[in-house]
C-alpha atoms as a PDB file:
ATOM      1  CA  MET A   1      14.663 -14.422  23.447  1.00  0.00           C
ATOM      2  CA  GLN A   2      14.189 -14.341  19.691  1.00  0.00           C
ATOM      3  CA  LEU A   3      17.254 -13.465  17.662  1.00  0.00           C
ATOM      4  CA  PRO A   4      16.623 -12.213  14.119  1.00  0.00           C
ATOM      5  CA  LEU A   5      17.598 -14.386  11.195  1.00  0.00           C
ATOM      6  CA  PRO A   6      18.723 -13.071   7.782  1.00  0.00           C
ATOM      7  CA  ILE A   7      15.477 -13.917   5.995  1.00  0.00           C
ATOM      8  CA  ALA A   8      14.026 -11.662   3.308  1.00  0.00           C
ATOM      9  CA  PRO A   9      10.604 -10.383   4.389  1.00  0.00           C
ATOM     10  CA  ARG A  10       7.612 -11.816   2.582  1.00  0.00           C
ATOM     11  CA  PRO A  11       4.682  -9.427   2.854  1.00  0.00           C
ATOM     12  CA  ARG A  12       1.417 -11.199   3.610  1.00  0.00           C
ATOM     13  CA  LEU A  13      -1.221  -9.566   1.466  1.00  0.00           C
ATOM     14  CA  THR A  14      -4.332 -11.683   1.978  1.00  0.00           C
ATOM     15  CA  ARG A  15      -7.654 -10.371   3.251  1.00  0.00           C
ATOM     16  CA  ALA A  16      -7.019 -12.061   6.602  1.00  0.00           C
ATOM     17  CA  ASP A  17      -3.788 -10.085   6.980  1.00  0.00           C
ATOM     18  CA  PHE A  18      -5.338  -6.721   6.164  1.00  0.00           C
ATOM     19  CA  ILE A  19      -5.649  -4.334   9.112  1.00  0.00           C
ATOM     20  CA  ALA A  20      -9.101  -2.754   8.955  1.00  0.00           C
ATOM     21  CA  ALA A  21      -9.461   0.703  10.502  1.00  0.00           C
ATOM     22  CA  PRO A  22     -11.802   3.709  10.265  1.00  0.00           C
ATOM     23  CA  GLY A  23      -9.615   5.302   7.601  1.00  0.00           C
ATOM     24  CA  ASN A  24      -9.832   2.368   5.199  1.00  0.00           C
ATOM     25  CA  GLU A  25     -13.192   0.761   6.018  1.00  0.00           C
ATOM     26  CA  LYS A  26     -15.080   2.432   3.161  1.00  0.00           C
ATOM     27  CA  ALA A  27     -12.488   1.357   0.607  1.00  0.00           C
ATOM     28  CA  LEU A  28     -12.466  -2.182   1.967  1.00  0.00           C
ATOM     29  CA  ALA A  29     -16.267  -2.428   1.945  1.00  0.00           C
ATOM     30  CA  PHE A  30     -16.373  -1.172  -1.638  1.00  0.00           C
ATOM     31  CA  LEU A  31     -13.794  -3.666  -2.861  1.00  0.00           C
ATOM     32  CA  GLU A  32     -15.498  -6.531  -1.067  1.00  0.00           C
ATOM     33  CA  SER A  33     -18.793  -5.621  -2.734  1.00  0.00           C
ATOM     34  CA  TRP A  34     -17.325  -6.918  -6.012  1.00  0.00           C
ATOM     35  CA  PRO A  35     -18.832  -7.541  -8.533  1.00  0.00           C
ATOM     36  CA  ARG A  36     -21.694  -5.266  -7.440  1.00  0.00           C
ATOM     37  CA  TRP A  37     -19.763  -2.058  -8.059  1.00  0.00           C
ATOM     38  CA  PRO A  38     -21.891   1.026  -8.818  1.00  0.00           C
ATOM     39  CA  ALA A  39     -19.208   2.267 -11.236  1.00  0.00           C
ATOM     40  CA  PRO A  40     -16.520   0.466 -13.264  1.00  0.00           C
ATOM     41  CA  ALA A  41     -13.559   2.508 -12.002  1.00  0.00           C
ATOM     42  CA  ALA A  42     -12.277   3.383  -8.523  1.00  0.00           C
ATOM     43  CA  VAL A  43      -9.197   5.021  -7.048  1.00  0.00           C
ATOM     44  CA  LEU A  44      -7.330   4.310  -3.809  1.00  0.00           C
ATOM     45  CA  TYR A  45      -5.028   7.085  -2.663  1.00  0.00           C
ATOM     46  CA  GLY A  46      -2.861   7.715   0.358  1.00  0.00           C
ATOM     47  CA  PRO A  47       0.780   7.905   1.459  1.00  0.00           C
ATOM     48  CA  ALA A  48       3.341   5.139   1.095  1.00  0.00           C
ATOM     49  CA  ALA A  49       2.615   2.070   3.245  1.00  0.00           C
ATOM     50  CA  SER A  50      -1.013   3.106   3.796  1.00  0.00           C
ATOM     51  CA  GLY A  51      -2.342  -0.199   2.456  1.00  0.00           C
ATOM     52  CA  LYS A  52      -3.041   0.585  -1.188  1.00  0.00           C
ATOM     53  CA  SER A  53      -1.163  -2.386  -2.624  1.00  0.00           C
ATOM     54  CA  HIS A  54      -2.566  -4.705   0.031  1.00  0.00           C
ATOM     55  CA  LEU A  55      -6.113  -3.659  -0.900  1.00  0.00           C
ATOM     56  CA  VAL A  56      -5.274  -4.150  -4.566  1.00  0.00           C
ATOM     57  CA  GLN A  57      -4.234  -7.736  -3.812  1.00  0.00           C
ATOM     58  CA  VAL A  58      -7.422  -8.305  -1.806  1.00  0.00           C
ATOM     59  CA  TRP A  59      -9.487  -7.182  -4.788  1.00  0.00           C
ATOM     60  CA  ALA A  60      -7.357  -9.127  -7.273  1.00  0.00           C
ATOM     61  CA  ALA A  61      -8.010 -12.303  -5.274  1.00  0.00           C
ATOM     62  CA  LEU A  62     -11.760 -11.633  -5.479  1.00  0.00           C
ATOM     63  CA  SER A  63     -11.938 -10.533  -9.100  1.00  0.00           C
ATOM     64  CA  GLY A  64      -9.057 -12.273 -10.833  1.00  0.00           C
ATOM     65  CA  ALA A  65      -7.776  -8.850 -11.896  1.00  0.00           C
ATOM     66  CA  ARG A  66      -4.320  -8.414 -13.343  1.00  0.00           C
ATOM     67  CA  VAL A  67      -2.077  -6.047 -11.391  1.00  0.00           C
ATOM     68  CA  ILE A  68       0.411  -3.774 -13.129  1.00  0.00           C
ATOM     69  CA  THR A  69       2.096  -0.444 -12.456  1.00  0.00           C
ATOM     70  CA  ALA A  70       1.398   2.580 -14.629  1.00  0.00           C
ATOM     71  CA  ALA A  71       5.045   2.582 -15.726  1.00  0.00           C
ATOM     72  CA  GLU A  72       4.720  -1.042 -16.898  1.00  0.00           C
ATOM     73  CA  LEU A  73       1.456  -0.269 -18.676  1.00  0.00           C
ATOM     74  CA  ALA A  74       3.310   1.708 -21.331  1.00  0.00           C
ATOM     75  CA  ASP A  75       4.862  -1.490 -22.741  1.00  0.00           C
ATOM     76  CA  ALA A  76       2.076  -3.949 -21.917  1.00  0.00           C
ATOM     77  CA  PRO A  77       0.896  -6.121 -24.855  1.00  0.00           C
ATOM     78  CA  PRO A  78      -2.782  -5.660 -25.767  1.00  0.00           C
ATOM     79  CA  LYS A  79      -3.715  -9.194 -24.654  1.00  0.00           C
ATOM     80  CA  LEU A  80      -2.640  -8.282 -21.121  1.00  0.00           C
ATOM     81  CA  LEU A  81      -5.291  -5.583 -20.960  1.00  0.00           C
ATOM     82  CA  ASP A  82      -8.369  -7.791 -21.136  1.00  0.00           C
ATOM     83  CA  GLY A  83     -10.640  -8.217 -18.140  1.00  0.00           C
ATOM     84  CA  ALA A  84     -10.425  -6.588 -14.730  1.00  0.00           C
ATOM     85  CA  MET A  85      -7.278  -4.534 -14.142  1.00  0.00           C
ATOM     86  CA  ALA A  86      -5.529  -2.830 -11.258  1.00  0.00           C
ATOM     87  CA  VAL A  87      -3.009  -0.144 -12.237  1.00  0.00           C
ATOM     88  CA  GLU A  88      -0.785   1.130  -9.443  1.00  0.00           C
ATOM     89  CA  ASP A  89       1.236   4.306  -8.920  1.00  0.00           C
ATOM     90  CA  ILE A  90      -0.546   6.451 -11.492  1.00  0.00           C
ATOM     91  CA  ASP A  91       0.912   9.694 -10.163  1.00  0.00           C
ATOM     92  CA  ALA A  92       4.443   8.266 -10.101  1.00  0.00           C
ATOM     93  CA  ALA A  93       4.551   7.162 -13.748  1.00  0.00           C
ATOM     94  CA  PRO A  94       7.298   8.841 -15.780  1.00  0.00           C
ATOM     95  CA  GLY A  95       6.024  10.654 -18.843  1.00  0.00           C
ATOM     96  CA  THR A  96       2.789   9.876 -20.641  1.00  0.00           C
ATOM     97  CA  GLY A  97       3.583   6.536 -22.282  1.00  0.00           C
ATOM     98  CA  HIS A  98       0.963   4.722 -20.210  1.00  0.00           C
ATOM     99  CA  GLU A  99      -1.901   7.075 -21.008  1.00  0.00           C
ATOM    100  CA  ALA A 100      -3.154   5.599 -24.294  1.00  0.00           C
ATOM    101  CA  SER A 101      -3.551   2.117 -22.799  1.00  0.00           C
ATOM    102  CA  LEU A 102      -5.131   3.499 -19.641  1.00  0.00           C
ATOM    103  CA  PHE A 103      -7.619   5.594 -21.600  1.00  0.00           C
ATOM    104  CA  ALA A 104      -8.505   2.497 -23.654  1.00  0.00           C
ATOM    105  CA  LEU A 105      -9.299   0.654 -20.428  1.00  0.00           C
ATOM    106  CA  PHE A 106     -11.627   3.469 -19.364  1.00  0.00           C
ATOM    107  CA  GLU A 107     -13.261   3.501 -22.799  1.00  0.00           C
ATOM    108  CA  ARG A 108     -13.964  -0.243 -22.740  1.00  0.00           C
ATOM    109  CA  GLY A 109     -15.575   0.012 -19.324  1.00  0.00           C
ATOM    110  CA  THR A 110     -13.075  -2.501 -17.987  1.00  0.00           C
ATOM    111  CA  PRO A 111     -13.390  -2.981 -14.197  1.00  0.00           C
ATOM    112  CA  LEU A 112     -10.527  -0.787 -13.108  1.00  0.00           C
ATOM    113  CA  LEU A 113      -8.804  -0.026  -9.808  1.00  0.00           C
ATOM    114  CA  LEU A 114      -6.155   2.707  -9.742  1.00  0.00           C
ATOM    115  CA  THR A 115      -3.784   3.773  -6.978  1.00  0.00           C
ATOM    116  CA  GLY A 116      -1.707   6.845  -6.238  1.00  0.00           C
ATOM    117  CA  ARG A 117      -0.360   8.868  -3.355  1.00  0.00           C
ATOM    118  CA  THR A 118      -2.302  12.029  -4.150  1.00  0.00           C
ATOM    119  CA  PRO A 119      -6.021  12.613  -4.877  1.00  0.00           C
ATOM    120  CA  PRO A 120      -6.956  11.780  -8.480  1.00  0.00           C
ATOM    121  CA  HIS A 121      -8.100  15.329  -9.282  1.00  0.00           C
ATOM    122  CA  SER A 122      -4.440  16.385  -8.890  1.00  0.00           C
ATOM    123  CA  TRP A 123      -3.042  13.775 -11.298  1.00  0.00           C
ATOM    124  CA  ARG A 124      -1.547  15.375 -14.375  1.00  0.00           C
ATOM    125  CA  ALA A 125      -2.284  13.904 -17.792  1.00  0.00           C
ATOM    126  CA  GLY A 126      -1.373  14.762 -21.348  1.00  0.00           C
ATOM    127  CA  LEU A 127      -4.793  13.593 -22.511  1.00  0.00           C
ATOM    128  CA  PRO A 128      -7.513  16.007 -21.336  1.00  0.00           C
ATOM    129  CA  ASP A 129     -10.134  13.265 -21.541  1.00  0.00           C
ATOM    130  CA  LEU A 130      -8.049  11.148 -19.164  1.00  0.00           C
ATOM    131  CA  THR A 131      -8.041  13.955 -16.613  1.00  0.00           C
ATOM    132  CA  SER A 132     -11.837  14.009 -16.657  1.00  0.00           C
ATOM    133  CA  ARG A 133     -11.922  10.220 -16.204  1.00  0.00           C
ATOM    134  CA  TYR A 134      -9.709  10.498 -13.142  1.00  0.00           C
ATOM    135  CA  GLY A 135     -12.047  13.060 -11.642  1.00  0.00           C
ATOM    136  CA  ALA A 136     -15.138  10.960 -12.360  1.00  0.00           C
ATOM    137  CA  ALA A 137     -13.802   7.757 -10.760  1.00  0.00           C
ATOM    138  CA  LEU A 138     -14.899   6.826  -7.251  1.00  0.00           C
ATOM    139  CA  GLY A 139     -12.115   7.930  -4.907  1.00  0.00           C
ATOM    140  CA  PHE A 140     -11.195   6.492  -1.518  1.00  0.00           C
ATOM    141  CA  ASP A 141      -8.799   8.369   0.729  1.00  0.00           C
ATOM    142  CA  LEU A 142      -7.183   5.847   3.049  1.00  0.00           C
ATOM    143  CA  GLY A 143      -6.990   8.520   5.712  1.00  0.00           C
ATOM    144  CA  ALA A 144      -4.729   9.313   8.627  1.00  0.00           C
ATOM    145  CA  PRO A 145      -3.837   6.229  10.705  1.00  0.00           C
ATOM    146  CA  ASP A 146      -4.806   5.936  14.370  1.00  0.00           C
ATOM    147  CA  ASP A 147      -2.759   4.248  17.109  1.00  0.00           C
ATOM    148  CA  ALA A 148      -4.456   0.888  16.631  1.00  0.00           C
ATOM    149  CA  LEU A 149      -3.708   0.835  12.918  1.00  0.00           C
ATOM    150  CA  LEU A 150      -0.077   1.866  13.381  1.00  0.00           C
ATOM    151  CA  ALA A 151       0.416  -0.747  16.098  1.00  0.00           C
ATOM    152  CA  GLY A 152      -1.172  -3.439  13.962  1.00  0.00           C
ATOM    153  CA  LEU A 153       0.968  -2.420  11.011  1.00  0.00           C
ATOM    154  CA  ALA A 154       4.164  -2.569  13.077  1.00  0.00           C
ATOM    155  CA  ALA A 155       3.286  -6.031  14.381  1.00  0.00           C
ATOM    156  CA  LYS A 156       2.487  -7.228  10.851  1.00  0.00           C
ATOM    157  CA  LEU A 157       5.720  -5.846   9.402  1.00  0.00           C
ATOM    158  CA  PHE A 158       7.742  -7.594  12.106  1.00  0.00           C
ATOM    159  CA  ALA A 159       5.774 -10.797  11.484  1.00  0.00           C
ATOM    160  CA  ASP A 160       6.551 -10.514   7.761  1.00  0.00           C
ATOM    161  CA  ARG A 161      10.186 -10.701   8.837  1.00  0.00           C
ATOM    162  CA  GLN A 162       9.375 -13.720  11.038  1.00  0.00           C
ATOM    163  CA  LEU A 163       9.865 -11.707  14.214  1.00  0.00           C
ATOM    164  CA  THR A 164       7.579 -11.629  17.222  1.00  0.00           C
ATOM    165  CA  VAL A 165       8.336  -8.620  19.387  1.00  0.00           C
ATOM    166  CA  PRO A 166       7.110  -7.618  22.868  1.00  0.00           C
ATOM    167  CA  ASP A 167       4.101  -5.278  23.093  1.00  0.00           C
ATOM    168  CA  GLY A 168       6.363  -2.727  24.750  1.00  0.00           C
ATOM    169  CA  VAL A 169       8.411  -2.456  21.568  1.00  0.00           C
ATOM    170  CA  ILE A 170       5.309  -1.569  19.581  1.00  0.00           C
ATOM    171  CA  ARG A 171       4.145   0.978  22.160  1.00  0.00           C
ATOM    172  CA  LEU A 172       7.554   2.654  22.227  1.00  0.00           C
ATOM    173  CA  MET A 173       7.594   2.951  18.458  1.00  0.00           C
ATOM    174  CA  ILE A 174       4.103   4.452  18.292  1.00  0.00           C
ATOM    175  CA  GLU A 175       4.973   6.979  21.008  1.00  0.00           C
ATOM    176  CA  ARG A 176       8.239   8.138  19.476  1.00  0.00           C
ATOM    177  CA  LEU A 177       7.961   7.835  15.693  1.00  0.00           C
ATOM    178  CA  ALA A 178       6.244  10.087  13.179  1.00  0.00           C
ATOM    179  CA  ARG A 179       2.613   9.086  12.814  1.00  0.00           C
ATOM    180  CA  SER A 180       2.773   7.630   9.337  1.00  0.00           C
ATOM    181  CA  PRO A 181       2.756   4.100   7.913  1.00  0.00           C
ATOM    182  CA  GLU A 182       5.895   4.957   5.942  1.00  0.00           C
ATOM    183  CA  ALA A 183       7.784   5.899   9.120  1.00  0.00           C
ATOM    184  CA  ILE A 184       6.727   2.632  10.772  1.00  0.00           C
ATOM    185  CA  ARG A 185       7.757   0.608   7.723  1.00  0.00           C
ATOM    186  CA  ASP A 186      11.172   2.241   7.473  1.00  0.00           C
ATOM    187  CA  PHE A 187      11.827   1.898  11.206  1.00  0.00           C
ATOM    188  CA  VAL A 188      10.933  -1.799  11.244  1.00  0.00           C
ATOM    189  CA  ALA A 189      13.405  -2.380   8.400  1.00  0.00           C
ATOM    190  CA  ALA A 190      16.074  -0.405  10.270  1.00  0.00           C
ATOM    191  CA  ALA A 191      15.409  -2.315  13.507  1.00  0.00           C
ATOM    192  CA  ASP A 192      15.697  -5.652  11.732  1.00  0.00           C
ATOM    193  CA  ALA A 193      18.960  -4.596  10.073  1.00  0.00           C
ATOM    194  CA  ARG A 194      20.392  -3.324  13.373  1.00  0.00           C
ATOM    195  CA  ALA A 195      19.431  -6.507  15.179  1.00  0.00           C
ATOM    196  CA  LEU A 196      21.057  -8.641  12.503  1.00  0.00           C
ATOM    197  CA  SER A 197      24.268  -6.627  12.432  1.00  0.00           C
ATOM    198  CA  GLU A 198      24.611  -6.628  16.232  1.00  0.00           C
ATOM    199  CA  LYS A 199      23.147 -10.118  16.780  1.00  0.00           C
ATOM    200  CA  ARG A 200      20.623  -8.737  19.252  1.00  0.00           C
ATOM    201  CA  PRO A 201      16.930  -9.423  19.756  1.00  0.00           C
ATOM    202  CA  VAL A 202      14.455  -6.728  18.788  1.00  0.00           C
ATOM    203  CA  ASN A 203      13.599  -5.502  22.273  1.00  0.00           C
ATOM    204  CA  GLN A 204      13.057  -2.116  23.932  1.00  0.00           C
ATOM    205  CA  GLY A 205      16.783  -1.634  24.443  1.00  0.00           C
ATOM    206  CA  LEU A 206      17.522  -1.982  20.754  1.00  0.00           C
ATOM    207  CA  ILE A 207      14.583   0.260  19.856  1.00  0.00           C
ATOM    208  CA  ARG A 208      15.765   2.989  22.243  1.00  0.00           C
ATOM    209  CA  ASP A 209      19.284   2.783  20.829  1.00  0.00           C
ATOM    210  CA  LEU A 210      17.947   3.079  17.301  1.00  0.00           C
ATOM    211  CA  LEU A 211      15.681   5.990  18.223  1.00  0.00           C
ATOM    212  CA  ALA A 212      18.643   7.774  19.836  1.00  0.00           C
ATOM    213  CA  THR A 213      20.758   7.210  16.721  1.00  0.00           C
ATOM    214  CA  SER A 214      17.992   8.511  14.497  1.00  0.00           C
ATOM    215  CA  ALA A 215      17.563  11.647  16.602  1.00  0.00           C
ATOM    216  CA  SER A 216      21.265  12.503  16.674  1.00  0.00           C
END
């Protein structure tokens, strides 16, 4: 019996930890083709917890790229913008303060990887030329997850919290939860918190109790 310990999760974001699946295989193959990219800019898009940031870290390890959010880009010093760059959460950035620096990166032909939740053609921009750059970038939709991907994600998220759970726990979660990486992520966090507060192992009993609470 493994009781949870109050340890902050440390996401493992190496290539070895990435869960490859049909929905992300094209994006992964493209990133791993570095530096033989057919175009200098690419976009990864998909819902929360779909693997965008993990893929960014995989590419950053290969390319030495700096990683920054679009919101942080607004105040980034010019020297930070040299070389390969990954800019996350484009469609979540407040205002347009990041746009001048981002357009400059496009103009220089800097190797550039962008992420967002929605397709790039829907990203709003104050600079019309930036909108056209979004549309011209190679886009990779991370796709809807299958059972294998969701199960692998659940196991990884528990492992990030230093928890090894029975296979039955994973199966129960996949059967009962909404079919999204975000739902799996949030439920794993809730299960860990419940187990800590009640000093119980993360087993099927705890999962059923938590599912019942969530449904009520």
